[in-house]
Amino acid sequence: MDKHKYYVSVHGRSILLDKGATSYEWEIEATPEQAQEISWLMGIVQEKEEKAFLGYVYPWPDTPERVVNLAYQNALDDVYKMIYELCSEETRMQMRESGVSAFLHSYDG
């Protein structure tokens, strides 16, 4: 299947074909199915973020912060791993320089 350039904003939870449609952080080359998967993964990040929010607003004394944040962080890691897998070498360099890819050291791609 043909791959297209997509422009991904993890912060904005968007993946678009139009570079100028909105601001973005990362450029990838993906099939429509891969782009849909990233979009789905970002939806999970949003869901986990919303669930974790209550843990920060109404913390349980016996629940450490890292436990509250773990599901959100795992979902976010999945998004970045897929972006890293589909991006150009230039984008990988940007990810490394920004520190975003620090958790990917064990990721072989």
PDB file of N, CA and C in Angstrom:
ATOM      1  N   MET A   1       0.832  -1.177   0.000  1.00  0.00           N
ATOM      2  CA  MET A   1       0.000   0.000   0.000  1.00  0.00           C
ATOM      3  C   MET A   1       0.883   1.250   0.000  1.00  0.00           C
ATOM      4  N   ASP A   2       0.408   2.279  -0.638  1.00  0.00           N
ATOM      5  CA  ASP A   2       1.172   3.516  -0.750  1.00  0.00           C
ATOM      6  C   ASP A   2       1.272   4.241   0.584  1.00  0.00           C
ATOM      7  N   LYS A   3       2.441   4.784   0.805  1.00  0.00           N
ATOM      8  CA  LYS A   3       2.671   5.580   2.004  1.00  0.00           C
ATOM      9  C   LYS A   3       2.573   7.054   1.643  1.00  0.00           C
ATOM     10  N   HIS A   4       2.137   7.849   2.607  1.00  0.00           N
ATOM     11  CA  HIS A   4       2.009   9.292   2.447  1.00  0.00           C
ATOM     12  C   HIS A   4       2.701   9.967   3.617  1.00  0.00           C
ATOM     13  N   LYS A   5       3.057  11.226   3.422  1.00  0.00           N
ATOM     14  CA  LYS A   5       3.591  12.004   4.538  1.00  0.00           C
ATOM     15  C   LYS A   5       2.422  12.471   5.386  1.00  0.00           C
ATOM     16  N   TYR A   6       2.593  12.282   6.684  1.00  0.00           N
ATOM     17  CA  TYR A   6       1.619  12.753   7.657  1.00  0.00           C
ATOM     18  C   TYR A   6       2.348  13.642   8.648  1.00  0.00           C
ATOM     19  N   TYR A   7       1.604  14.561   9.211  1.00  0.00           N
ATOM     20  CA  TYR A   7       2.149  15.510  10.173  1.00  0.00           C
ATOM     21  C   TYR A   7       1.420  15.280  11.501  1.00  0.00           C
ATOM     22  N   VAL A   8       2.189  14.888  12.501  1.00  0.00           N
ATOM     23  CA  VAL A   8       1.629  14.405  13.763  1.00  0.00           C
ATOM     24  C   VAL A   8       1.855  15.429  14.871  1.00  0.00           C
ATOM     25  N   SER A   9       0.788  15.699  15.589  1.00  0.00           N
ATOM     26  CA  SER A   9       0.885  16.499  16.806  1.00  0.00           C
ATOM     27  C   SER A   9       0.386  15.633  17.955  1.00  0.00           C
ATOM     28  N   VAL A  10       1.310  15.183  18.777  1.00  0.00           N
ATOM     29  CA  VAL A  10       0.925  14.389  19.943  1.00  0.00           C
ATOM     30  C   VAL A  10       0.184  15.286  20.925  1.00  0.00           C
ATOM     31  N   HIS A  11       0.666  16.507  21.092  1.00  0.00           N
ATOM     32  CA  HIS A  11       0.017  17.441  22.015  1.00  0.00           C
ATOM     33  C   HIS A  11      -1.392  17.775  21.557  1.00  0.00           C
ATOM     34  N   GLY A  12      -1.565  17.981  20.254  1.00  0.00           N
ATOM     35  CA  GLY A  12      -2.872  18.314  19.705  1.00  0.00           C
ATOM     36  C   GLY A  12      -3.709  17.103  19.349  1.00  0.00           C
ATOM     37  N   ARG A  13      -3.129  15.911  19.528  1.00  0.00           N
ATOM     38  CA  ARG A  13      -3.808  14.648  19.217  1.00  0.00           C
ATOM     39  C   ARG A  13      -4.323  14.620  17.776  1.00  0.00           C
ATOM     40  N   SER A  14      -3.448  15.022  16.828  1.00  0.00           N
ATOM     41  CA  SER A  14      -3.865  15.025  15.430  1.00  0.00           C
ATOM     42  C   SER A  14      -2.812  14.391  14.536  1.00  0.00           C
ATOM     43  N   ILE A  15      -3.272  13.827  13.431  1.00  0.00           N
ATOM     44  CA  ILE A  15      -2.401  13.304  12.392  1.00  0.00           C
ATOM     45  C   ILE A  15      -3.054  13.676  11.067  1.00  0.00           C
ATOM     46  N   LEU A  16      -2.377  14.536  10.314  1.00  0.00           N
ATOM     47  CA  LEU A  16      -2.970  15.131   9.119  1.00  0.00           C
ATOM     48  C   LEU A  16      -2.058  15.004   7.908  1.00  0.00           C
ATOM     49  N   LEU A  17      -2.670  15.001   6.741  1.00  0.00           N
ATOM     50  CA  LEU A  17      -1.918  14.990   5.482  1.00  0.00           C
ATOM     51  C   LEU A  17      -1.451  16.392   5.095  1.00  0.00           C
ATOM     52  N   ASP A  18      -2.187  17.412   5.527  1.00  0.00           N
ATOM     53  CA  ASP A  18      -1.898  18.797   5.156  1.00  0.00           C
ATOM     54  C   ASP A  18      -0.934  19.419   6.163  1.00  0.00           C
ATOM     55  N   LYS A  19       0.283  19.673   5.706  1.00  0.00           N
ATOM     56  CA  LYS A  19       1.340  20.229   6.568  1.00  0.00           C
ATOM     57  C   LYS A  19       0.932  21.559   7.197  1.00  0.00           C
ATOM     58  N   GLY A  20       0.183  22.362   6.465  1.00  0.00           N
ATOM     59  CA  GLY A  20      -0.173  23.688   6.951  1.00  0.00           C
ATOM     60  C   GLY A  20      -1.484  23.763   7.706  1.00  0.00           C
ATOM     61  N   ALA A  21      -2.160  22.636   7.895  1.00  0.00           N
ATOM     62  CA  ALA A  21      -3.482  22.659   8.532  1.00  0.00           C
ATOM     63  C   ALA A  21      -3.422  23.065  10.005  1.00  0.00           C
ATOM     64  N   THR A  22      -2.376  22.664  10.684  1.00  0.00           N
ATOM     65  CA  THR A  22      -2.212  22.991  12.097  1.00  0.00           C
ATOM     66  C   THR A  22      -0.745  22.774  12.462  1.00  0.00           C
ATOM     67  N   SER A  23      -0.369  23.177  13.640  1.00  0.00           N
ATOM     68  CA  SER A  23       1.017  22.951  14.046  1.00  0.00           C
ATOM     69  C   SER A  23       1.203  21.462  14.330  1.00  0.00           C
ATOM     70  N   TYR A  24       2.422  20.997  14.184  1.00  0.00           N
ATOM     71  CA  TYR A  24       2.726  19.594  14.405  1.00  0.00           C
ATOM     72  C   TYR A  24       4.124  19.469  14.974  1.00  0.00           C
ATOM     73  N   GLU A  25       4.406  18.324  15.571  1.00  0.00           N
ATOM     74  CA  GLU A  25       5.737  18.083  16.127  1.00  0.00           C
ATOM     75  C   GLU A  25       6.569  17.164  15.247  1.00  0.00           C
ATOM     76  N   TRP A  26       5.922  16.180  14.592  1.00  0.00           N
ATOM     77  CA  TRP A  26       6.669  15.141  13.907  1.00  0.00           C
ATOM     78  C   TRP A  26       6.117  14.861  12.514  1.00  0.00           C
ATOM     79  N   GLU A  27       7.019  14.536  11.603  1.00  0.00           N
ATOM     80  CA  GLU A  27       6.643  14.154  10.248  1.00  0.00           C
ATOM     81  C   GLU A  27       6.948  12.667  10.081  1.00  0.00           C
ATOM     82  N   ILE A  28       5.965  11.928   9.562  1.00  0.00           N
ATOM     83  CA  ILE A  28       6.154  10.496   9.340  1.00  0.00           C
ATOM     84  C   ILE A  28       5.740  10.143   7.917  1.00  0.00           C
ATOM     85  N   GLU A  29       6.097   8.959   7.494  1.00  0.00           N
ATOM     86  CA  GLU A  29       5.628   8.412   6.240  1.00  0.00           C
ATOM     87  C   GLU A  29       4.926   7.101   6.571  1.00  0.00           C
ATOM     88  N   ALA A  30       3.616   7.036   6.277  1.00  0.00           N
ATOM     89  CA  ALA A  30       2.817   5.901   6.724  1.00  0.00           C
ATOM     90  C   ALA A  30       1.709   5.577   5.736  1.00  0.00           C
ATOM     91  N   THR A  31       1.217   4.369   5.852  1.00  0.00           N
ATOM     92  CA  THR A  31       0.025   3.991   5.097  1.00  0.00           C
ATOM     93  C   THR A  31      -1.180   4.593   5.827  1.00  0.00           C
ATOM     94  N   PRO A  32      -2.321   4.678   5.162  1.00  0.00           N
ATOM     95  CA  PRO A  32      -3.519   5.160   5.863  1.00  0.00           C
ATOM     96  C   PRO A  32      -3.861   4.310   7.094  1.00  0.00           C
ATOM     97  N   GLU A  33      -3.613   3.015   7.016  1.00  0.00           N
ATOM     98  CA  GLU A  33      -3.884   2.142   8.156  1.00  0.00           C
ATOM     99  C   GLU A  33      -2.962   2.465   9.332  1.00  0.00           C
ATOM    100  N   GLN A  34      -1.701   2.724   9.045  1.00  0.00           N
ATOM    101  CA  GLN A  34      -0.755   3.082  10.105  1.00  0.00           C
ATOM    102  C   GLN A  34      -1.129   4.431  10.719  1.00  0.00           C
ATOM    103  N   ALA A  35      -1.542   5.371   9.882  1.00  0.00           N
ATOM    104  CA  ALA A  35      -1.978   6.677  10.386  1.00  0.00           C
ATOM    105  C   ALA A  35      -3.201   6.518  11.286  1.00  0.00           C
ATOM    106  N   GLN A  36      -4.111   5.648  10.886  1.00  0.00           N
ATOM    107  CA  GLN A  36      -5.300   5.383  11.698  1.00  0.00           C
ATOM    108  C   GLN A  36      -4.915   4.756  13.037  1.00  0.00           C
ATOM    109  N   GLU A  37      -3.913   3.884  13.011  1.00  0.00           N
ATOM    110  CA  GLU A  37      -3.459   3.260  14.256  1.00  0.00           C
ATOM    111  C   GLU A  37      -2.858   4.290  15.205  1.00  0.00           C
ATOM    112  N   ILE A  38      -2.076   5.214  14.668  1.00  0.00           N
ATOM    113  CA  ILE A  38      -1.522   6.278  15.523  1.00  0.00           C
ATOM    114  C   ILE A  38      -2.652   7.123  16.103  1.00  0.00           C
ATOM    115  N   SER A  39      -3.636   7.438  15.291  1.00  0.00           N
ATOM    116  CA  SER A  39      -4.783   8.210  15.765  1.00  0.00           C
ATOM    117  C   SER A  39      -5.501   7.467  16.894  1.00  0.00           C
ATOM    118  N   TRP A  40      -5.683   6.167  16.723  1.00  0.00           N
ATOM    119  CA  TRP A  40      -6.323   5.340  17.739  1.00  0.00           C
ATOM    120  C   TRP A  40      -5.493   5.337  19.022  1.00  0.00           C
ATOM    121  N   LEU A  41      -4.164   5.192  18.877  1.00  0.00           N
ATOM    122  CA  LEU A  41      -3.281   5.202  20.048  1.00  0.00           C
ATOM    123  C   LEU A  41      -3.345   6.542  20.775  1.00  0.00           C
ATOM    124  N   MET A  42      -3.437   7.639  20.021  1.00  0.00           N
ATOM    125  CA  MET A  42      -3.547   8.951  20.669  1.00  0.00           C
ATOM    126  C   MET A  42      -4.874   9.081  21.401  1.00  0.00           C
ATOM    127  N   GLY A  43      -5.910   8.414  20.903  1.00  0.00           N
ATOM    128  CA  GLY A  43      -7.188   8.386  21.621  1.00  0.00           C
ATOM    129  C   GLY A  43      -7.049   7.675  22.960  1.00  0.00           C
ATOM    130  N   ILE A  44      -6.268   6.613  22.967  1.00  0.00           N
ATOM    131  CA  ILE A  44      -6.011   5.899  24.227  1.00  0.00           C
ATOM    132  C   ILE A  44      -5.236   6.800  25.189  1.00  0.00           C
ATOM    133  N   VAL A  45      -4.264   7.541  24.669  1.00  0.00           N
ATOM    134  CA  VAL A  45      -3.518   8.483  25.513  1.00  0.00           C
ATOM    135  C   VAL A  45      -4.482   9.473  26.163  1.00  0.00           C
ATOM    136  N   GLN A  46      -5.392  10.013  25.370  1.00  0.00           N
ATOM    137  CA  GLN A  46      -6.380  10.967  25.890  1.00  0.00           C
ATOM    138  C   GLN A  46      -7.226  10.328  26.989  1.00  0.00           C
ATOM    139  N   GLU A  47      -7.672   9.104  26.740  1.00  0.00           N
ATOM    140  CA  GLU A  47      -8.480   8.381  27.720  1.00  0.00           C
ATOM    141  C   GLU A  47      -7.710   8.160  29.022  1.00  0.00           C
ATOM    142  N   LYS A  48      -6.465   7.722  28.910  1.00  0.00           N
ATOM    143  CA  LYS A  48      -5.649   7.461  30.098  1.00  0.00           C
ATOM    144  C   LYS A  48      -5.328   8.755  30.836  1.00  0.00           C
ATOM    145  N   GLU A  49      -5.122   9.822  30.087  1.00  0.00           N
ATOM    146  CA  GLU A  49      -4.849  11.117  30.710  1.00  0.00           C
ATOM    147  C   GLU A  49      -6.052  11.573  31.533  1.00  0.00           C
ATOM    148  N   GLU A  50      -7.233  11.396  30.975  1.00  0.00           N
ATOM    149  CA  GLU A  50      -8.439  11.792  31.697  1.00  0.00           C
ATOM    150  C   GLU A  50      -8.640  10.952  32.950  1.00  0.00           C
ATOM    151  N   LYS A  51      -8.366   9.659  32.869  1.00  0.00           N
ATOM    152  CA  LYS A  51      -8.497   8.793  34.052  1.00  0.00           C
ATOM    153  C   LYS A  51      -7.454   9.144  35.101  1.00  0.00           C
ATOM    154  N   ALA A  52      -6.237   9.450  34.675  1.00  0.00           N
ATOM    155  CA  ALA A  52      -5.171   9.795  35.617  1.00  0.00           C
ATOM    156  C   ALA A  52      -5.443  11.135  36.292  1.00  0.00           C
ATOM    157  N   PHE A  53      -6.136  12.032  35.611  1.00  0.00           N
ATOM    158  CA  PHE A  53      -6.423  13.355  36.153  1.00  0.00           C
ATOM    159  C   PHE A  53      -7.124  13.269  37.503  1.00  0.00           C
ATOM    160  N   LEU A  54      -8.087  12.383  37.609  1.00  0.00           N
ATOM    161  CA  LEU A  54      -8.792  12.242  38.887  1.00  0.00           C
ATOM    162  C   LEU A  54      -7.860  11.795  40.001  1.00  0.00           C
ATOM    163  N   GLY A  55      -6.870  10.980  39.661  1.00  0.00           N
ATOM    164  CA  GLY A  55      -5.899  10.545  40.659  1.00  0.00           C
ATOM    165  C   GLY A  55      -5.036  11.678  41.175  1.00  0.00           C
ATOM    166  N   TYR A  56      -4.865  12.706  40.357  1.00  0.00           N
ATOM    167  CA  TYR A  56      -4.083  13.874  40.791  1.00  0.00           C
ATOM    168  C   TYR A  56      -4.951  14.850  41.573  1.00  0.00           C
ATOM    169  N   VAL A  57      -6.212  14.965  41.184  1.00  0.00           N
ATOM    170  CA  VAL A  57      -7.111  15.893  41.864  1.00  0.00           C
ATOM    171  C   VAL A  57      -7.552  15.334  43.215  1.00  0.00           C
ATOM    172  N   TYR A  58      -7.855  14.030  43.225  1.00  0.00           N
ATOM    173  CA  TYR A  58      -8.305  13.364  44.451  1.00  0.00           C
ATOM    174  C   TYR A  58      -7.377  12.186  44.742  1.00  0.00           C
ATOM    175  N   PRO A  59      -6.154  12.470  45.141  1.00  0.00           N
ATOM    176  CA  PRO A  59      -5.185  11.380  45.334  1.00  0.00           C
ATOM    177  C   PRO A  59      -5.543  10.498  46.530  1.00  0.00           C
ATOM    178  N   TRP A  60      -5.322   9.220  46.340  1.00  0.00           N
ATOM    179  CA  TRP A  60      -5.448   8.277  47.447  1.00  0.00           C
ATOM    180  C   TRP A  60      -4.102   8.231  48.145  1.00  0.00           C
ATOM    181  N   PRO A  61      -4.091   8.314  49.453  1.00  0.00           N
ATOM    182  CA  PRO A  61      -2.816   8.328  50.180  1.00  0.00           C
ATOM    183  C   PRO A  61      -1.964   7.090  49.934  1.00  0.00           C
ATOM    184  N   ASP A  62      -2.593   5.958  49.640  1.00  0.00           N
ATOM    185  CA  ASP A  62      -1.829   4.731  49.472  1.00  0.00           C
ATOM    186  C   ASP A  62      -1.487   4.413  48.009  1.00  0.00           C
ATOM    187  N   THR A  63      -1.775   5.345  47.094  1.00  0.00           N
ATOM    188  CA  THR A  63      -1.479   5.124  45.679  1.00  0.00           C
ATOM    189  C   THR A  63      -0.369   6.079  45.242  1.00  0.00           C
ATOM    190  N   PRO A  64       0.824   5.549  44.980  1.00  0.00           N
ATOM    191  CA  PRO A  64       1.927   6.417  44.551  1.00  0.00           C
ATOM    192  C   PRO A  64       1.636   7.085  43.204  1.00  0.00           C
ATOM    193  N   GLU A  65       2.193   8.263  43.007  1.00  0.00           N
ATOM    194  CA  GLU A  65       1.987   9.024  41.773  1.00  0.00           C
ATOM    195  C   GLU A  65       2.385   8.217  40.541  1.00  0.00           C
ATOM    196  N   ARG A  66       3.469   7.452  40.619  1.00  0.00           N
ATOM    197  CA  ARG A  66       3.929   6.681  39.460  1.00  0.00           C
ATOM    198  C   ARG A  66       2.898   5.644  39.025  1.00  0.00           C
ATOM    199  N   VAL A  67       2.138   5.096  39.981  1.00  0.00           N
ATOM    200  CA  VAL A  67       1.100   4.123  39.653  1.00  0.00           C
ATOM    201  C   VAL A  67      -0.049   4.814  38.922  1.00  0.00           C
ATOM    202  N   VAL A  68      -0.411   5.994  39.383  1.00  0.00           N
ATOM    203  CA  VAL A  68      -1.483   6.764  38.754  1.00  0.00           C
ATOM    204  C   VAL A  68      -1.110   7.102  37.312  1.00  0.00           C
ATOM    205  N   ASN A  69       0.146   7.407  37.095  1.00  0.00           N
ATOM    206  CA  ASN A  69       0.610   7.866  35.793  1.00  0.00           C
ATOM    207  C   ASN A  69       1.027   6.734  34.858  1.00  0.00           C
ATOM    208  N   LEU A  70       1.160   5.522  35.334  1.00  0.00           N
ATOM    209  CA  LEU A  70       1.721   4.422  34.554  1.00  0.00           C
ATOM    210  C   LEU A  70       0.939   4.098  33.285  1.00  0.00           C
ATOM    211  N   ALA A  71      -0.359   3.985  33.347  1.00  0.00           N
ATOM    212  CA  ALA A  71      -1.158   3.649  32.157  1.00  0.00           C
ATOM    213  C   ALA A  71      -1.043   4.755  31.115  1.00  0.00           C
ATOM    214  N   TYR A  72      -1.072   6.014  31.562  1.00  0.00           N
ATOM    215  CA  TYR A  72      -0.915   7.140  30.642  1.00  0.00           C
ATOM    216  C   TYR A  72       0.454   7.095  29.978  1.00  0.00           C
ATOM    217  N   GLN A  73       1.504   6.893  30.760  1.00  0.00           N
ATOM    218  CA  GLN A  73       2.862   6.878  30.210  1.00  0.00           C
ATOM    219  C   GLN A  73       3.051   5.727  29.231  1.00  0.00           C
ATOM    220  N   ASN A  74       2.504   4.567  29.545  1.00  0.00           N
ATOM    221  CA  ASN A  74       2.612   3.432  28.634  1.00  0.00           C
ATOM    222  C   ASN A  74       1.922   3.710  27.305  1.00  0.00           C
ATOM    223  N   ALA A  75       0.754   4.323  27.348  1.00  0.00           N
ATOM    224  CA  ALA A  75       0.038   4.672  26.120  1.00  0.00           C
ATOM    225  C   ALA A  75       0.822   5.704  25.307  1.00  0.00           C
ATOM    226  N   LEU A  76       1.383   6.691  25.983  1.00  0.00           N
ATOM    227  CA  LEU A  76       2.181   7.712  25.314  1.00  0.00           C
ATOM    228  C   LEU A  76       3.439   7.103  24.693  1.00  0.00           C
ATOM    229  N   ASP A  77       4.064   6.185  25.401  1.00  0.00           N
ATOM    230  CA  ASP A  77       5.236   5.486  24.870  1.00  0.00           C
ATOM    231  C   ASP A  77       4.894   4.743  23.585  1.00  0.00           C
ATOM    232  N   ASP A  78       3.714   4.110  23.545  1.00  0.00           N
ATOM    233  CA  ASP A  78       3.297   3.390  22.339  1.00  0.00           C
ATOM    234  C   ASP A  78       3.166   4.329  21.142  1.00  0.00           C
ATOM    235  N   VAL A  79       2.631   5.525  21.373  1.00  0.00           N
ATOM    236  CA  VAL A  79       2.509   6.511  20.293  1.00  0.00           C
ATOM    237  C   VAL A  79       3.892   6.899  19.782  1.00  0.00           C
ATOM    238  N   TYR A  80       4.790   7.241  20.691  1.00  0.00           N
ATOM    239  CA  TYR A  80       6.126   7.669  20.272  1.00  0.00           C
ATOM    240  C   TYR A  80       6.915   6.545  19.610  1.00  0.00           C
ATOM    241  N   LYS A  81       6.735   5.315  20.047  1.00  0.00           N
ATOM    242  CA  LYS A  81       7.419   4.196  19.401  1.00  0.00           C
ATOM    243  C   LYS A  81       6.971   4.057  17.958  1.00  0.00           C
ATOM    244  N   MET A  82       5.681   4.210  17.719  1.00  0.00           N
ATOM    245  CA  MET A  82       5.183   4.082  16.354  1.00  0.00           C
ATOM    246  C   MET A  82       5.652   5.250  15.497  1.00  0.00           C
ATOM    247  N   ILE A  83       5.644   6.453  16.049  1.00  0.00           N
ATOM    248  CA  ILE A  83       6.156   7.610  15.318  1.00  0.00           C
ATOM    249  C   ILE A  83       7.622   7.379  14.967  1.00  0.00           C
ATOM    250  N   TYR A  84       8.388   6.913  15.931  1.00  0.00           N
ATOM    251  CA  TYR A  84       9.811   6.666  15.726  1.00  0.00           C
ATOM    252  C   TYR A  84      10.033   5.627  14.627  1.00  0.00           C
ATOM    253  N   GLU A  85       9.208   4.620  14.607  1.00  0.00           N
ATOM    254  CA  GLU A  85       9.297   3.561  13.609  1.00  0.00           C
ATOM    255  C   GLU A  85       9.017   4.082  12.195  1.00  0.00           C
ATOM    256  N   LEU A  86       8.120   5.053  12.074  1.00  0.00           N
ATOM    257  CA  LEU A  86       7.667   5.523  10.763  1.00  0.00           C
ATOM    258  C   LEU A  86       8.321   6.822  10.298  1.00  0.00           C
ATOM    259  N   CYS A  87       9.140   7.431  11.116  1.00  0.00           N
ATOM    260  CA  CYS A  87       9.697   8.735  10.750  1.00  0.00           C
ATOM    261  C   CYS A  87      10.990   8.605   9.954  1.00  0.00           C
ATOM    262  N   SER A  88      11.384   9.716   9.369  1.00  0.00           N
ATOM    263  CA  SER A  88      12.639   9.779   8.622  1.00  0.00           C
ATOM    264  C   SER A  88      13.809   9.866   9.599  1.00  0.00           C
ATOM    265  N   GLU A  89      14.999   9.680   9.093  1.00  0.00           N
ATOM    266  CA  GLU A  89      16.197   9.797   9.935  1.00  0.00           C
ATOM    267  C   GLU A  89      16.311  11.211  10.501  1.00  0.00           C
ATOM    268  N   GLU A  90      15.918  12.198   9.718  1.00  0.00           N
ATOM    269  CA  GLU A  90      15.951  13.585  10.193  1.00  0.00           C
ATOM    270  C   GLU A  90      15.022  13.776  11.394  1.00  0.00           C
ATOM    271  N   THR A  91      13.839  13.211  11.308  1.00  0.00           N
ATOM    272  CA  THR A  91      12.895  13.313  12.427  1.00  0.00           C
ATOM    273  C   THR A  91      13.402  12.543  13.631  1.00  0.00           C
ATOM    274  N   ARG A  92      14.051  11.398  13.397  1.00  0.00           N
ATOM    275  CA  ARG A  92      14.638  10.641  14.512  1.00  0.00           C
ATOM    276  C   ARG A  92      15.690  11.476  15.227  1.00  0.00           C
ATOM    277  N   MET A  93      16.495  12.183  14.454  1.00  0.00           N
ATOM    278  CA  MET A  93      17.503  13.060  15.055  1.00  0.00           C
ATOM    279  C   MET A  93      16.821  14.127  15.907  1.00  0.00           C
ATOM    280  N   GLN A  94      15.735  14.709  15.394  1.00  0.00           N
ATOM    281  CA  GLN A  94      15.001  15.723  16.154  1.00  0.00           C
ATOM    282  C   GLN A  94      14.443  15.131  17.442  1.00  0.00           C
ATOM    283  N   MET A  95      13.938  13.902  17.351  1.00  0.00           N
ATOM    284  CA  MET A  95      13.399  13.249  18.552  1.00  0.00           C
ATOM    285  C   MET A  95      14.506  13.016  19.572  1.00  0.00           C
ATOM    286  N   ARG A  96      15.664  12.578  19.105  1.00  0.00           N
ATOM    287  CA  ARG A  96      16.797  12.347  20.016  1.00  0.00           C
ATOM    288  C   ARG A  96      17.249  13.653  20.655  1.00  0.00           C
ATOM    289  N   GLU A  97      17.376  14.697  19.828  1.00  0.00           N
ATOM    290  CA  GLU A  97      17.840  15.993  20.335  1.00  0.00           C
ATOM    291  C   GLU A  97      16.878  16.604  21.335  1.00  0.00           C
ATOM    292  N   SER A  98      15.583  16.382  21.139  1.00  0.00           N
ATOM    293  CA  SER A  98      14.591  16.961  22.043  1.00  0.00           C
ATOM    294  C   SER A  98      14.440  16.147  23.327  1.00  0.00           C
ATOM    295  N   GLY A  99      14.999  14.934  23.336  1.00  0.00           N
ATOM    296  CA  GLY A  99      14.899  14.084  24.507  1.00  0.00           C
ATOM    297  C   GLY A  99      13.669  13.202  24.521  1.00  0.00           C
ATOM    298  N   VAL A 100      12.802  13.365  23.544  1.00  0.00           N
ATOM    299  CA  VAL A 100      11.566  12.580  23.490  1.00  0.00           C
ATOM    300  C   VAL A 100      11.857  11.101  23.336  1.00  0.00           C
ATOM    301  N   SER A 101      12.912  10.765  22.643  1.00  0.00           N
ATOM    302  CA  SER A 101      13.195   9.361  22.361  1.00  0.00           C
ATOM    303  C   SER A 101      14.028   8.687  23.453  1.00  0.00           C
ATOM    304  N   ALA A 102      14.206   9.340  24.575  1.00  0.00           N
ATOM    305  CA  ALA A 102      15.048   8.767  25.633  1.00  0.00           C
ATOM    306  C   ALA A 102      14.548   7.400  26.072  1.00  0.00           C
ATOM    307  N   PHE A 103      13.242   7.193  26.073  1.00  0.00           N
ATOM    308  CA  PHE A 103      12.689   5.918  26.483  1.00  0.00           C
ATOM    309  C   PHE A 103      12.829   4.851  25.397  1.00  0.00           C
ATOM    310  N   LEU A 104      13.284   5.219  24.206  1.00  0.00           N
ATOM    311  CA  LEU A 104      13.376   4.293  23.096  1.00  0.00           C
ATOM    312  C   LEU A 104      14.718   3.597  22.996  1.00  0.00           C
ATOM    313  N   HIS A 105      15.600   3.791  23.931  1.00  0.00           N
ATOM    314  CA  HIS A 105      16.928   3.193  23.839  1.00  0.00           C
ATOM    315  C   HIS A 105      16.878   1.678  23.664  1.00  0.00           C
ATOM    316  N   SER A 106      15.883   1.048  24.248  1.00  0.00           N
ATOM    317  CA  SER A 106      15.794  -0.405  24.109  1.00  0.00           C
ATOM    318  C   SER A 106      14.939  -0.809  22.910  1.00  0.00           C
ATOM    319  N   TYR A 107      14.396   0.183  22.221  1.00  0.00           N
ATOM    320  CA  TYR A 107      13.541  -0.106  21.068  1.00  0.00           C
ATOM    321  C   TYR A 107      14.400  -0.315  19.820  1.00  0.00           C
ATOM    322  N   ASP A 108      14.237  -1.428  19.169  1.00  0.00           N
ATOM    323  CA  ASP A 108      15.050  -1.756  18.003  1.00  0.00           C
ATOM    324  C   ASP A 108      14.437  -1.299  16.694  1.00  0.00           C
ATOM    325  N   GLY A 109      13.146  -0.940  16.698  1.00  0.00           N
ATOM    326  CA  GLY A 109      12.475  -0.485  15.486  1.00  0.00           C
ATOM    327  C   GLY A 109      12.217  -1.566  14.613  1.00  0.00           C
TER     328      GLY A 109
END
